[in-house]
Amino acid sequence: MHAVADAVNDFTLRAYAPLARGGGNCFFSGASLRAALGLAYPGARGATREEMARVLGLERDAAAASGQARAEVDSRVASGARERPLPPLPPLPQVPP
């Protein structure tokens, strides 16, 4: 599990640097971005596949990468990490006519 956390943290920090140069506030989820890009990895070929593996910290073998992704999901489920619904929004204030 530490290898996965290290890969996510490394990716997040490398992704943050160019985003932060724009100035102002910067908010993104490195874990979500890495997971979304990881979905495209098994279909990538050639130089694109090599670059994605390097940037995302994935195995270069699609089967191994799929196993790695599955292990990440299984570890989150086992640790009790679940998506929780957001609480309802408070009612909007009444605007006088």
C-alpha atoms as a PDB file:
ATOM      1  CA  MET A   1       0.000   0.000   0.000  1.00  0.00           C
ATOM      2  CA  HIS A   2       2.892   2.379   0.674  1.00  0.00           C
ATOM      3  CA  ALA A   3       4.063   2.032  -2.927  1.00  0.00           C
ATOM      4  CA  VAL A   4       0.622   3.127  -4.145  1.00  0.00           C
ATOM      5  CA  ALA A   5       0.521   6.090  -1.753  1.00  0.00           C
ATOM      6  CA  ASP A   6       4.039   7.083  -2.782  1.00  0.00           C
ATOM      7  CA  ALA A   7       3.079   6.924  -6.485  1.00  0.00           C
ATOM      8  CA  VAL A   8      -0.050   9.031  -5.910  1.00  0.00           C
ATOM      9  CA  ASN A   9       1.832  11.586  -3.810  1.00  0.00           C
ATOM     10  CA  ASP A  10       4.659  11.820  -6.342  1.00  0.00           C
ATOM     11  CA  PHE A  11       2.218  12.320  -9.225  1.00  0.00           C
ATOM     12  CA  THR A  12       0.245  14.930  -7.258  1.00  0.00           C
ATOM     13  CA  LEU A  13       3.304  16.985  -6.377  1.00  0.00           C
ATOM     14  CA  ARG A  14       4.617  16.892  -9.948  1.00  0.00           C
ATOM     15  CA  ALA A  15       1.192  17.894 -11.301  1.00  0.00           C
ATOM     16  CA  TYR A  16       0.845  20.734  -8.799  1.00  0.00           C
ATOM     17  CA  ALA A  17       4.057  22.556  -9.755  1.00  0.00           C
ATOM     18  CA  PRO A  18       2.983  23.696 -13.255  1.00  0.00           C
ATOM     19  CA  LEU A  19      -0.587  24.370 -12.118  1.00  0.00           C
ATOM     20  CA  ALA A  20       0.594  26.620  -9.290  1.00  0.00           C
ATOM     21  CA  ARG A  21       2.629  28.813 -11.659  1.00  0.00           C
ATOM     22  CA  GLY A  22      -0.606  30.322 -12.952  1.00  0.00           C
ATOM     23  CA  GLY A  23      -1.033  32.288  -9.745  1.00  0.00           C
ATOM     24  CA  GLY A  24      -4.152  32.469  -7.654  1.00  0.00           C
ATOM     25  CA  ASN A  25      -5.781  29.531  -5.949  1.00  0.00           C
ATOM     26  CA  CYS A  26      -5.282  26.024  -7.252  1.00  0.00           C
ATOM     27  CA  PHE A  27      -7.423  23.066  -6.218  1.00  0.00           C
ATOM     28  CA  PHE A  28      -7.357  19.588  -7.723  1.00  0.00           C
ATOM     29  CA  SER A  29      -7.336  15.969  -6.622  1.00  0.00           C
ATOM     30  CA  GLY A  30      -4.125  14.285  -7.693  1.00  0.00           C
ATOM     31  CA  ALA A  31      -5.530  10.886  -6.751  1.00  0.00           C
ATOM     32  CA  SER A  32      -8.632  11.419  -8.906  1.00  0.00           C
ATOM     33  CA  LEU A  33      -6.615  12.773 -11.816  1.00  0.00           C
ATOM     34  CA  ARG A  34      -4.211   9.831 -11.628  1.00  0.00           C
ATOM     35  CA  ALA A  35      -7.101   7.366 -11.436  1.00  0.00           C
ATOM     36  CA  ALA A  36      -8.855   8.921 -14.446  1.00  0.00           C
ATOM     37  CA  LEU A  37      -5.685   8.886 -16.550  1.00  0.00           C
ATOM     38  CA  GLY A  38      -4.993   5.346 -15.362  1.00  0.00           C
ATOM     39  CA  LEU A  39      -8.247   4.225 -16.979  1.00  0.00           C
ATOM     40  CA  ALA A  40      -6.856   5.211 -20.371  1.00  0.00           C
ATOM     41  CA  TYR A  41      -3.520   3.469 -19.825  1.00  0.00           C
ATOM     42  CA  PRO A  42      -4.526  -0.084 -20.851  1.00  0.00           C
ATOM     43  CA  GLY A  43      -5.591   1.211 -24.273  1.00  0.00           C
ATOM     44  CA  ALA A  44      -2.470   3.289 -24.880  1.00  0.00           C
ATOM     45  CA  ARG A  45       0.238   2.027 -27.225  1.00  0.00           C
ATOM     46  CA  GLY A  46       3.847   2.809 -28.094  1.00  0.00           C
ATOM     47  CA  ALA A  47       5.436   6.029 -26.870  1.00  0.00           C
ATOM     48  CA  THR A  48       2.158   7.190 -25.298  1.00  0.00           C
ATOM     49  CA  ARG A  49       2.013   4.035 -23.189  1.00  0.00           C
ATOM     50  CA  GLU A  50       5.627   4.454 -22.086  1.00  0.00           C
ATOM     51  CA  GLU A  51       5.092   8.094 -21.149  1.00  0.00           C
ATOM     52  CA  MET A  52       1.878   7.346 -19.247  1.00  0.00           C
ATOM     53  CA  ALA A  53       3.581   4.564 -17.310  1.00  0.00           C
ATOM     54  CA  ARG A  54       6.425   6.885 -16.374  1.00  0.00           C
ATOM     55  CA  VAL A  55       4.246   9.851 -15.417  1.00  0.00           C
ATOM     56  CA  LEU A  56       1.620   7.846 -13.530  1.00  0.00           C
ATOM     57  CA  GLY A  57       4.097   5.530 -11.811  1.00  0.00           C
ATOM     58  CA  LEU A  58       2.424   2.444 -13.293  1.00  0.00           C
ATOM     59  CA  GLU A  59       3.756  -0.896 -14.361  1.00  0.00           C
ATOM     60  CA  ARG A  60       4.433  -0.969 -18.097  1.00  0.00           C
ATOM     61  CA  ASP A  61       2.583  -4.253 -18.486  1.00  0.00           C
ATOM     62  CA  ALA A  62      -1.172  -3.680 -18.885  1.00  0.00           C
ATOM     63  CA  ALA A  63      -2.070  -6.796 -16.889  1.00  0.00           C
ATOM     64  CA  ALA A  64       0.205  -5.759 -14.030  1.00  0.00           C
ATOM     65  CA  ALA A  65      -1.171  -2.199 -14.146  1.00  0.00           C
ATOM     66  CA  SER A  66      -4.728  -3.543 -14.012  1.00  0.00           C
ATOM     67  CA  GLY A  67      -3.760  -5.654 -11.024  1.00  0.00           C
ATOM     68  CA  GLN A  68      -2.179  -2.607  -9.394  1.00  0.00           C
ATOM     69  CA  ALA A  69      -5.342  -0.562  -9.978  1.00  0.00           C
ATOM     70  CA  ARG A  70      -7.489  -3.373  -8.582  1.00  0.00           C
ATOM     71  CA  ALA A  71      -5.261  -3.563  -5.497  1.00  0.00           C
ATOM     72  CA  GLU A  72      -5.715   0.193  -4.978  1.00  0.00           C
ATOM     73  CA  VAL A  73      -9.494  -0.125  -5.150  1.00  0.00           C
ATOM     74  CA  ASP A  74      -9.559  -3.201  -2.905  1.00  0.00           C
ATOM     75  CA  SER A  75      -7.395  -1.479  -0.291  1.00  0.00           C
ATOM     76  CA  ARG A  76      -9.706   1.546  -0.243  1.00  0.00           C
ATOM     77  CA  VAL A  77     -12.756  -0.682   0.161  1.00  0.00           C
ATOM     78  CA  ALA A  78     -11.071  -2.723   2.896  1.00  0.00           C
ATOM     79  CA  SER A  79     -10.120   0.433   4.795  1.00  0.00           C
ATOM     80  CA  GLY A  80     -13.741   1.565   4.798  1.00  0.00           C
ATOM     81  CA  ALA A  81     -13.205   4.420   2.336  1.00  0.00           C
ATOM     82  CA  ARG A  82     -16.513   5.010   0.632  1.00  0.00           C
ATOM     83  CA  GLU A  83     -18.118   7.842  -1.169  1.00  0.00           C
ATOM     84  CA  ARG A  84     -20.502   9.548   1.162  1.00  0.00           C
ATOM     85  CA  PRO A  85     -23.460  11.577  -0.026  1.00  0.00           C
ATOM     86  CA  LEU A  86     -23.175  15.287   0.556  1.00  0.00           C
ATOM     87  CA  PRO A  87     -25.481  16.743   3.165  1.00  0.00           C
ATOM     88  CA  PRO A  88     -28.472  18.629   1.790  1.00  0.00           C
ATOM     89  CA  LEU A  89     -27.938  22.295   1.040  1.00  0.00           C
ATOM     90  CA  PRO A  90     -29.657  24.789   3.307  1.00  0.00           C
ATOM     91  CA  PRO A  91     -32.616  26.612   1.795  1.00  0.00           C
ATOM     92  CA  LEU A  92     -31.854  29.749  -0.163  1.00  0.00           C
ATOM     93  CA  PRO A  93     -32.621  32.999   1.635  1.00  0.00           C
ATOM     94  CA  GLN A  94     -35.781  34.746   0.570  1.00  0.00           C
ATOM     95  CA  VAL A  95     -35.166  37.826  -1.526  1.00  0.00           C
ATOM     96  CA  PRO A  96     -37.682  40.604  -0.997  1.00  0.00           C
ATOM     97  CA  PRO A  97     -39.610  41.579  -4.158  1.00  0.00           C
END
